[in-house]
Amino acid sequence: MNWITEPWPWWISGILIGLTVPLLYILAGKAFGISTSLQQAGAMCAPNSKLEYLSTFDRKANLWTIVFAVGIAVGAFIATRFLSSEPAPLLPESFDSASGGIKLLVGGFLIGFGTRYAGGCTSGHSITGISNLNWPSLVATIFFFVGGLAVTWGLGQLIFPA
């Protein structure tokens, strides 16, 4: 049982994540990505919205995205609480403050805006898009990394000093 409570090598995790793409296509006929669940949640919360983004969204056909997102959260909870040698905290200590909360709020807004602007999230573009040989997904993935590095090693240090 030790093997399940210890962190797995990156290459095993990578292979398992990579296999979700063809398995989801083969078993359910669906593309892997998580940001559609946010559109689904918005469409469910505002079924009579005047926004075309929400009003034309097929809530019935995309209900699976909510189940998928909840499954990720439940699986992560089970793994960190019951299948880890040391349970991980929900947030690092550096976020247990007002400035940490502001960082999370601003970061969440920017990620949400960027996801919508890019037409998908990092998992959708990087895992599904690239595996389908979509040129825009490759470009988006490159700039996800460029932006992440720029904020982590530059802009983030200036805006949010430790």
N, C-alpha and C. Protein backbone atom coordinates (compact mmCIF):
# COMPACT_ATOMS: atom_id res chain seq x y z
N MET A 1 0.82 -1.20 0.00
CA MET A 1 0.00 0.00 0.00
C MET A 1 0.86 1.26 0.00
N ASN A 2 2.15 1.12 0.31
CA ASN A 2 3.04 2.29 0.34
C ASN A 2 3.09 3.03 -0.99
N TRP A 3 3.06 2.29 -2.08
CA TRP A 3 3.18 2.92 -3.40
C TRP A 3 2.07 3.91 -3.68
N ILE A 4 0.90 3.73 -3.09
CA ILE A 4 -0.21 4.64 -3.38
C ILE A 4 -0.16 5.89 -2.49
N THR A 5 0.52 5.82 -1.35
CA THR A 5 0.55 6.97 -0.44
C THR A 5 1.73 7.90 -0.70
N GLU A 6 2.66 7.47 -1.50
CA GLU A 6 3.82 8.31 -1.83
C GLU A 6 3.61 9.00 -3.17
N PRO A 7 4.25 10.16 -3.40
CA PRO A 7 4.13 10.81 -4.72
C PRO A 7 4.63 9.88 -5.83
N TRP A 8 3.91 9.87 -6.92
CA TRP A 8 4.30 9.04 -8.06
C TRP A 8 5.30 9.80 -8.93
N PRO A 9 6.14 9.07 -9.65
CA PRO A 9 7.05 9.75 -10.59
C PRO A 9 6.27 10.54 -11.63
N TRP A 10 6.86 11.62 -12.10
CA TRP A 10 6.19 12.49 -13.06
C TRP A 10 5.78 11.73 -14.31
N TRP A 11 6.59 10.78 -14.74
CA TRP A 11 6.31 10.10 -16.00
C TRP A 11 5.10 9.16 -15.88
N ILE A 12 4.84 8.60 -14.71
CA ILE A 12 3.63 7.79 -14.55
C ILE A 12 2.40 8.69 -14.56
N SER A 13 2.47 9.77 -13.80
CA SER A 13 1.34 10.71 -13.76
C SER A 13 1.09 11.29 -15.14
N GLY A 14 2.15 11.64 -15.85
CA GLY A 14 2.01 12.21 -17.19
C GLY A 14 1.35 11.25 -18.16
N ILE A 15 1.75 10.00 -18.10
CA ILE A 15 1.14 8.98 -18.97
C ILE A 15 -0.34 8.82 -18.64
N LEU A 16 -0.68 8.77 -17.36
CA LEU A 16 -2.09 8.62 -16.97
C LEU A 16 -2.93 9.81 -17.40
N ILE A 17 -2.39 11.02 -17.23
CA ILE A 17 -3.11 12.21 -17.69
C ILE A 17 -3.25 12.17 -19.21
N GLY A 18 -2.17 11.80 -19.88
CA GLY A 18 -2.21 11.71 -21.34
C GLY A 18 -3.22 10.70 -21.84
N LEU A 19 -3.41 9.62 -21.11
CA LEU A 19 -4.37 8.59 -21.52
C LEU A 19 -5.82 9.05 -21.34
N THR A 20 -6.05 10.08 -20.54
CA THR A 20 -7.44 10.55 -20.38
C THR A 20 -7.99 11.10 -21.68
N VAL A 21 -7.12 11.68 -22.51
CA VAL A 21 -7.60 12.27 -23.77
C VAL A 21 -8.20 11.21 -24.69
N PRO A 22 -7.45 10.16 -25.05
CA PRO A 22 -8.07 9.17 -25.94
C PRO A 22 -9.19 8.40 -25.27
N LEU A 23 -9.08 8.12 -23.96
CA LEU A 23 -10.14 7.39 -23.28
C LEU A 23 -11.44 8.18 -23.25
N LEU A 24 -11.35 9.48 -23.01
CA LEU A 24 -12.55 10.32 -23.00
C LEU A 24 -13.17 10.38 -24.40
N TYR A 25 -12.32 10.45 -25.43
CA TYR A 25 -12.83 10.42 -26.82
C TYR A 25 -13.50 9.09 -27.13
N ILE A 26 -12.82 8.00 -26.79
CA ILE A 26 -13.31 6.66 -27.14
C ILE A 26 -14.56 6.29 -26.33
N LEU A 27 -14.51 6.50 -25.02
CA LEU A 27 -15.59 6.05 -24.16
C LEU A 27 -16.81 6.98 -24.14
N ALA A 28 -16.56 8.30 -24.31
CA ALA A 28 -17.67 9.24 -24.18
C ALA A 28 -17.84 10.17 -25.38
N GLY A 29 -16.89 10.15 -26.30
CA GLY A 29 -16.98 11.05 -27.45
C GLY A 29 -16.80 12.52 -27.07
N LYS A 30 -16.06 12.78 -25.98
CA LYS A 30 -15.90 14.14 -25.46
C LYS A 30 -14.42 14.55 -25.49
N ALA A 31 -14.20 15.86 -25.58
CA ALA A 31 -12.84 16.41 -25.54
C ALA A 31 -12.49 16.79 -24.11
N PHE A 32 -11.26 16.53 -23.71
CA PHE A 32 -10.80 16.83 -22.36
C PHE A 32 -10.55 18.33 -22.20
N GLY A 33 -11.05 18.89 -21.14
CA GLY A 33 -10.87 20.29 -20.79
C GLY A 33 -11.77 20.60 -19.60
N ILE A 34 -11.41 21.58 -18.84
CA ILE A 34 -12.16 21.86 -17.62
C ILE A 34 -12.92 23.19 -17.67
N SER A 35 -12.51 24.11 -18.52
CA SER A 35 -13.13 25.44 -18.50
C SER A 35 -14.58 25.44 -18.95
N THR A 36 -15.00 24.46 -19.71
CA THR A 36 -16.39 24.39 -20.14
C THR A 36 -17.32 24.21 -18.93
N SER A 37 -16.80 23.63 -17.85
CA SER A 37 -17.63 23.47 -16.66
C SER A 37 -18.01 24.82 -16.07
N LEU A 38 -17.16 25.83 -16.23
CA LEU A 38 -17.50 27.17 -15.76
C LEU A 38 -18.63 27.77 -16.61
N GLN A 39 -18.59 27.54 -17.91
CA GLN A 39 -19.66 28.00 -18.78
C GLN A 39 -20.95 27.26 -18.44
N GLN A 40 -20.83 25.97 -18.16
CA GLN A 40 -21.99 25.18 -17.77
C GLN A 40 -22.59 25.72 -16.47
N ALA A 41 -21.76 26.01 -15.48
CA ALA A 41 -22.25 26.54 -14.21
C ALA A 41 -22.94 27.88 -14.42
N GLY A 42 -22.35 28.74 -15.25
CA GLY A 42 -22.97 30.03 -15.55
C GLY A 42 -24.31 29.88 -16.25
N ALA A 43 -24.37 28.95 -17.20
CA ALA A 43 -25.62 28.72 -17.93
C ALA A 43 -26.69 28.13 -17.03
N MET A 44 -26.29 27.30 -16.07
CA MET A 44 -27.24 26.73 -15.12
C MET A 44 -27.76 27.80 -14.15
N CYS A 45 -26.88 28.69 -13.73
CA CYS A 45 -27.26 29.73 -12.77
C CYS A 45 -28.08 30.85 -13.42
N ALA A 46 -27.89 31.06 -14.70
CA ALA A 46 -28.61 32.13 -15.41
C ALA A 46 -29.24 31.58 -16.68
N PRO A 47 -30.25 30.71 -16.54
CA PRO A 47 -30.84 30.06 -17.73
C PRO A 47 -31.54 31.02 -18.69
N ASN A 48 -31.94 32.19 -18.21
CA ASN A 48 -32.63 33.16 -19.06
C ASN A 48 -31.74 34.35 -19.40
N SER A 49 -30.45 34.13 -19.38
CA SER A 49 -29.49 35.21 -19.63
C SER A 49 -29.63 35.77 -21.04
N LYS A 50 -29.36 37.04 -21.17
CA LYS A 50 -29.36 37.70 -22.49
C LYS A 50 -28.00 37.52 -23.18
N LEU A 51 -27.00 37.07 -22.42
CA LEU A 51 -25.67 36.85 -22.99
C LEU A 51 -25.70 35.61 -23.89
N GLU A 52 -25.30 35.78 -25.12
CA GLU A 52 -25.30 34.66 -26.06
C GLU A 52 -24.41 33.52 -25.57
N TYR A 53 -23.31 33.88 -24.90
CA TYR A 53 -22.36 32.89 -24.36
C TYR A 53 -23.07 31.91 -23.44
N LEU A 54 -24.06 32.37 -22.68
CA LEU A 54 -24.78 31.51 -21.75
C LEU A 54 -26.10 31.00 -22.32
N SER A 55 -26.81 31.85 -23.05
CA SER A 55 -28.15 31.48 -23.52
C SER A 55 -28.14 30.40 -24.60
N THR A 56 -27.10 30.34 -25.41
CA THR A 56 -27.05 29.34 -26.49
C THR A 56 -26.30 28.08 -26.09
N PHE A 57 -25.79 28.05 -24.86
CA PHE A 57 -25.02 26.90 -24.38
C PHE A 57 -25.96 25.73 -24.12
N ASP A 58 -25.62 24.57 -24.63
CA ASP A 58 -26.46 23.37 -24.46
C ASP A 58 -26.18 22.76 -23.08
N ARG A 59 -26.99 23.17 -22.10
CA ARG A 59 -26.78 22.75 -20.72
C ARG A 59 -26.94 21.24 -20.55
N LYS A 60 -27.90 20.66 -21.24
CA LYS A 60 -28.16 19.23 -21.09
C LYS A 60 -27.00 18.39 -21.62
N ALA A 61 -26.51 18.75 -22.78
CA ALA A 61 -25.43 17.97 -23.40
C ALA A 61 -24.10 18.14 -22.68
N ASN A 62 -23.95 19.23 -21.92
CA ASN A 62 -22.66 19.50 -21.27
C ASN A 62 -22.70 19.34 -19.76
N LEU A 63 -23.75 18.73 -19.23
CA LEU A 63 -23.85 18.51 -17.79
C LEU A 63 -22.69 17.65 -17.28
N TRP A 64 -22.17 16.80 -18.14
CA TRP A 64 -21.06 15.93 -17.76
C TRP A 64 -19.86 16.74 -17.29
N THR A 65 -19.70 17.99 -17.77
CA THR A 65 -18.53 18.78 -17.37
C THR A 65 -18.57 19.12 -15.89
N ILE A 66 -19.76 19.34 -15.34
CA ILE A 66 -19.89 19.60 -13.91
C ILE A 66 -19.55 18.34 -13.12
N VAL A 67 -20.05 17.20 -13.57
CA VAL A 67 -19.74 15.93 -12.91
C VAL A 67 -18.24 15.69 -12.95
N PHE A 68 -17.61 15.97 -14.07
CA PHE A 68 -16.16 15.81 -14.23
C PHE A 68 -15.40 16.70 -13.25
N ALA A 69 -15.79 17.99 -13.15
CA ALA A 69 -15.12 18.93 -12.24
C ALA A 69 -15.32 18.52 -10.78
N VAL A 70 -16.52 18.11 -10.42
CA VAL A 70 -16.78 17.65 -9.04
C VAL A 70 -15.95 16.39 -8.76
N GLY A 71 -15.85 15.51 -9.74
CA GLY A 71 -15.04 14.30 -9.58
C GLY A 71 -13.57 14.62 -9.33
N ILE A 72 -13.06 15.64 -10.01
CA ILE A 72 -11.67 16.06 -9.78
C ILE A 72 -11.50 16.55 -8.35
N ALA A 73 -12.44 17.37 -7.89
CA ALA A 73 -12.36 17.90 -6.52
C ALA A 73 -12.48 16.79 -5.48
N VAL A 74 -13.42 15.89 -5.66
CA VAL A 74 -13.60 14.79 -4.70
C VAL A 74 -12.39 13.87 -4.73
N GLY A 75 -11.89 13.56 -5.92
CA GLY A 75 -10.69 12.71 -6.02
C GLY A 75 -9.48 13.34 -5.36
N ALA A 76 -9.31 14.65 -5.54
CA ALA A 76 -8.19 15.35 -4.90
C ALA A 76 -8.33 15.33 -3.39
N PHE A 77 -9.56 15.53 -2.89
CA PHE A 77 -9.80 15.49 -1.45
C PHE A 77 -9.46 14.11 -0.88
N ILE A 78 -9.96 13.07 -1.52
CA ILE A 78 -9.70 11.71 -1.05
C ILE A 78 -8.21 11.40 -1.07
N ALA A 79 -7.55 11.80 -2.16
CA ALA A 79 -6.11 11.52 -2.29
C ALA A 79 -5.30 12.24 -1.22
N THR A 80 -5.61 13.52 -0.96
CA THR A 80 -4.80 14.27 0.01
C THR A 80 -5.13 13.91 1.45
N ARG A 81 -6.36 13.53 1.73
CA ARG A 81 -6.75 13.22 3.11
C ARG A 81 -6.52 11.77 3.50
N PHE A 82 -6.73 10.84 2.58
CA PHE A 82 -6.71 9.44 2.95
C PHE A 82 -5.63 8.61 2.26
N LEU A 83 -5.07 9.10 1.17
CA LEU A 83 -4.09 8.31 0.43
C LEU A 83 -2.72 8.99 0.38
N SER A 84 -2.44 9.86 1.33
CA SER A 84 -1.15 10.54 1.38
C SER A 84 -0.47 10.24 2.71
N SER A 85 0.84 10.10 2.68
CA SER A 85 1.56 9.87 3.92
C SER A 85 1.49 11.12 4.81
N GLU A 86 1.44 12.31 4.18
CA GLU A 86 1.27 13.57 4.91
C GLU A 86 0.19 14.37 4.20
N PRO A 87 -0.99 14.50 4.81
CA PRO A 87 -2.06 15.28 4.16
C PRO A 87 -1.60 16.71 3.85
N ALA A 88 -1.92 17.16 2.66
CA ALA A 88 -1.52 18.50 2.23
C ALA A 88 -2.57 19.53 2.68
N PRO A 89 -2.11 20.72 3.06
CA PRO A 89 -3.09 21.76 3.41
C PRO A 89 -3.81 22.26 2.16
N LEU A 90 -4.98 22.85 2.35
CA LEU A 90 -5.72 23.39 1.22
C LEU A 90 -4.93 24.51 0.56
N LEU A 91 -4.35 25.40 1.35
CA LEU A 91 -3.54 26.51 0.84
C LEU A 91 -2.23 26.58 1.59
N PRO A 92 -1.17 27.03 0.94
CA PRO A 92 0.08 27.27 1.66
C PRO A 92 -0.12 28.39 2.69
N GLU A 93 0.68 28.39 3.74
CA GLU A 93 0.56 29.40 4.80
C GLU A 93 0.66 30.82 4.28
N SER A 94 1.41 31.04 3.21
CA SER A 94 1.60 32.39 2.67
C SER A 94 0.29 33.00 2.15
N PHE A 95 -0.75 32.19 1.97
CA PHE A 95 -2.03 32.70 1.49
C PHE A 95 -3.04 32.89 2.62
N ASP A 96 -2.64 32.63 3.87
CA ASP A 96 -3.53 32.80 5.01
C ASP A 96 -3.46 34.22 5.55
N SER A 97 -3.70 35.19 4.68
CA SER A 97 -3.69 36.60 5.08
C SER A 97 -4.54 37.38 4.08
N ALA A 98 -4.76 38.65 4.39
CA ALA A 98 -5.54 39.49 3.47
C ALA A 98 -4.83 39.63 2.13
N SER A 99 -3.51 39.85 2.14
CA SER A 99 -2.80 39.98 0.87
C SER A 99 -2.81 38.66 0.10
N GLY A 100 -2.76 37.53 0.81
CA GLY A 100 -2.86 36.23 0.15
C GLY A 100 -4.21 36.03 -0.50
N GLY A 101 -5.27 36.46 0.18
CA GLY A 101 -6.61 36.38 -0.38
C GLY A 101 -6.76 37.25 -1.62
N ILE A 102 -6.15 38.45 -1.57
CA ILE A 102 -6.20 39.35 -2.73
C ILE A 102 -5.45 38.73 -3.91
N LYS A 103 -4.30 38.13 -3.62
CA LYS A 103 -3.54 37.45 -4.68
C LYS A 103 -4.39 36.36 -5.34
N LEU A 104 -5.06 35.57 -4.52
CA LEU A 104 -5.90 34.50 -5.07
C LEU A 104 -7.06 35.05 -5.88
N LEU A 105 -7.68 36.11 -5.40
CA LEU A 105 -8.80 36.72 -6.11
C LEU A 105 -8.36 37.30 -7.45
N VAL A 106 -7.27 38.06 -7.45
CA VAL A 106 -6.75 38.65 -8.69
C VAL A 106 -6.30 37.55 -9.65
N GLY A 107 -5.58 36.57 -9.13
CA GLY A 107 -5.12 35.46 -9.97
C GLY A 107 -6.28 34.68 -10.57
N GLY A 108 -7.31 34.41 -9.77
CA GLY A 108 -8.49 33.70 -10.27
C GLY A 108 -9.20 34.48 -11.37
N PHE A 109 -9.32 35.80 -11.17
CA PHE A 109 -9.95 36.64 -12.19
C PHE A 109 -9.14 36.62 -13.49
N LEU A 110 -7.83 36.77 -13.37
CA LEU A 110 -6.98 36.77 -14.57
C LEU A 110 -7.01 35.43 -15.28
N ILE A 111 -7.02 34.36 -14.53
CA ILE A 111 -7.09 33.03 -15.15
C ILE A 111 -8.43 32.84 -15.85
N GLY A 112 -9.51 33.25 -15.18
CA GLY A 112 -10.83 33.13 -15.80
C GLY A 112 -10.95 33.96 -17.06
N PHE A 113 -10.46 35.21 -17.00
CA PHE A 113 -10.49 36.07 -18.18
C PHE A 113 -9.63 35.49 -19.29
N GLY A 114 -8.43 35.06 -18.94
CA GLY A 114 -7.52 34.49 -19.94
C GLY A 114 -8.07 33.22 -20.56
N THR A 115 -8.72 32.41 -19.77
CA THR A 115 -9.32 31.17 -20.28
C THR A 115 -10.38 31.49 -21.32
N ARG A 116 -11.23 32.44 -21.00
CA ARG A 116 -12.29 32.82 -21.95
C ARG A 116 -11.69 33.47 -23.20
N TYR A 117 -10.72 34.35 -23.00
CA TYR A 117 -10.09 35.06 -24.11
C TYR A 117 -9.33 34.10 -25.04
N ALA A 118 -8.69 33.09 -24.45
CA ALA A 118 -7.92 32.11 -25.23
C ALA A 118 -8.79 31.02 -25.83
N GLY A 119 -10.07 31.00 -25.48
CA GLY A 119 -10.96 29.97 -26.02
C GLY A 119 -10.75 28.61 -25.38
N GLY A 120 -10.23 28.59 -24.17
CA GLY A 120 -10.04 27.33 -23.47
C GLY A 120 -8.97 27.45 -22.42
N CYS A 121 -8.88 26.44 -21.58
CA CYS A 121 -7.94 26.45 -20.47
C CYS A 121 -6.63 25.74 -20.85
N THR A 122 -5.72 25.72 -19.91
CA THR A 122 -4.43 25.08 -20.17
C THR A 122 -4.58 23.60 -20.47
N SER A 123 -5.46 22.92 -19.74
CA SER A 123 -5.62 21.49 -20.02
C SER A 123 -6.27 21.26 -21.38
N GLY A 124 -7.25 22.09 -21.71
CA GLY A 124 -7.90 21.93 -23.01
C GLY A 124 -6.95 22.17 -24.16
N HIS A 125 -6.20 23.27 -24.09
CA HIS A 125 -5.26 23.58 -25.18
C HIS A 125 -4.03 22.67 -25.14
N SER A 126 -3.42 22.54 -23.96
CA SER A 126 -2.14 21.83 -23.87
C SER A 126 -2.26 20.33 -24.02
N ILE A 127 -3.31 19.76 -23.48
CA ILE A 127 -3.44 18.30 -23.56
C ILE A 127 -4.27 17.89 -24.78
N THR A 128 -5.47 18.44 -24.90
CA THR A 128 -6.34 18.04 -26.00
C THR A 128 -5.97 18.71 -27.31
N GLY A 129 -5.78 20.02 -27.28
CA GLY A 129 -5.49 20.77 -28.51
C GLY A 129 -4.22 20.32 -29.20
N ILE A 130 -3.15 20.20 -28.44
CA ILE A 130 -1.87 19.78 -29.04
C ILE A 130 -1.96 18.34 -29.54
N SER A 131 -2.65 17.47 -28.78
CA SER A 131 -2.76 16.07 -29.24
C SER A 131 -3.59 15.98 -30.52
N ASN A 132 -4.44 16.99 -30.78
CA ASN A 132 -5.19 17.05 -32.04
C ASN A 132 -4.47 17.85 -33.11
N LEU A 133 -3.24 18.22 -32.83
CA LEU A 133 -2.39 18.98 -33.75
C LEU A 133 -2.99 20.34 -34.13
N ASN A 134 -3.63 20.99 -33.17
CA ASN A 134 -4.19 22.33 -33.40
C ASN A 134 -3.10 23.38 -33.19
N TRP A 135 -2.77 24.09 -34.25
CA TRP A 135 -1.75 25.13 -34.20
C TRP A 135 -2.07 26.20 -33.14
N PRO A 136 -3.31 26.72 -33.07
CA PRO A 136 -3.61 27.72 -32.05
C PRO A 136 -3.40 27.21 -30.62
N SER A 137 -3.60 25.93 -30.39
CA SER A 137 -3.38 25.37 -29.06
C SER A 137 -1.90 25.35 -28.71
N LEU A 138 -1.05 25.08 -29.69
CA LEU A 138 0.39 25.13 -29.46
C LEU A 138 0.82 26.55 -29.11
N VAL A 139 0.33 27.53 -29.86
CA VAL A 139 0.67 28.92 -29.60
C VAL A 139 0.16 29.32 -28.21
N ALA A 140 -1.07 28.96 -27.88
CA ALA A 140 -1.62 29.28 -26.56
C ALA A 140 -0.78 28.66 -25.46
N THR A 141 -0.37 27.40 -25.62
CA THR A 141 0.42 26.71 -24.61
C THR A 141 1.77 27.39 -24.42
N ILE A 142 2.41 27.79 -25.49
CA ILE A 142 3.69 28.50 -25.39
C ILE A 142 3.51 29.77 -24.57
N PHE A 143 2.44 30.51 -24.84
CA PHE A 143 2.24 31.76 -24.12
C PHE A 143 1.73 31.54 -22.69
N PHE A 144 1.10 30.40 -22.40
CA PHE A 144 0.78 30.07 -21.00
C PHE A 144 2.08 29.98 -20.21
N PHE A 145 3.07 29.29 -20.78
CA PHE A 145 4.35 29.14 -20.11
C PHE A 145 5.11 30.46 -20.02
N VAL A 146 5.12 31.21 -21.10
CA VAL A 146 5.80 32.52 -21.10
C VAL A 146 5.18 33.43 -20.03
N GLY A 147 3.86 33.49 -19.99
CA GLY A 147 3.18 34.32 -18.99
C GLY A 147 3.44 33.83 -17.58
N GLY A 148 3.39 32.54 -17.37
CA GLY A 148 3.67 31.98 -16.05
C GLY A 148 5.08 32.29 -15.58
N LEU A 149 6.04 32.13 -16.47
CA LEU A 149 7.43 32.44 -16.11
C LEU A 149 7.62 33.93 -15.85
N ALA A 150 7.00 34.77 -16.69
CA ALA A 150 7.13 36.22 -16.51
C ALA A 150 6.58 36.67 -15.16
N VAL A 151 5.45 36.13 -14.78
CA VAL A 151 4.86 36.52 -13.49
C VAL A 151 5.64 35.93 -12.33
N THR A 152 6.00 34.65 -12.44
CA THR A 152 6.71 34.00 -11.34
C THR A 152 8.07 34.62 -11.08
N TRP A 153 8.83 34.90 -12.12
CA TRP A 153 10.20 35.37 -11.94
C TRP A 153 10.36 36.88 -12.12
N GLY A 154 9.31 37.59 -12.44
CA GLY A 154 9.47 39.02 -12.68
C GLY A 154 8.35 39.84 -12.09
N LEU A 155 7.28 39.96 -12.84
CA LEU A 155 6.18 40.83 -12.46
C LEU A 155 5.58 40.48 -11.11
N GLY A 156 5.43 39.21 -10.83
CA GLY A 156 4.85 38.78 -9.56
C GLY A 156 5.68 39.23 -8.37
N GLN A 157 7.00 39.22 -8.51
CA GLN A 157 7.88 39.66 -7.42
C GLN A 157 7.75 41.17 -7.19
N LEU A 158 7.47 41.92 -8.26
CA LEU A 158 7.32 43.37 -8.13
C LEU A 158 5.98 43.75 -7.52
N ILE A 159 4.93 43.07 -7.97
CA ILE A 159 3.57 43.40 -7.49
C ILE A 159 3.33 42.83 -6.09
N PHE A 160 3.73 41.61 -5.87
CA PHE A 160 3.47 40.93 -4.59
C PHE A 160 4.78 40.49 -3.94
N PRO A 161 5.52 41.42 -3.35
CA PRO A 161 6.76 41.02 -2.69
C PRO A 161 6.46 40.09 -1.51
N ALA A 162 7.36 39.20 -1.25
CA ALA A 162 7.16 38.20 -0.19
C ALA A 162 7.15 38.76 1.17
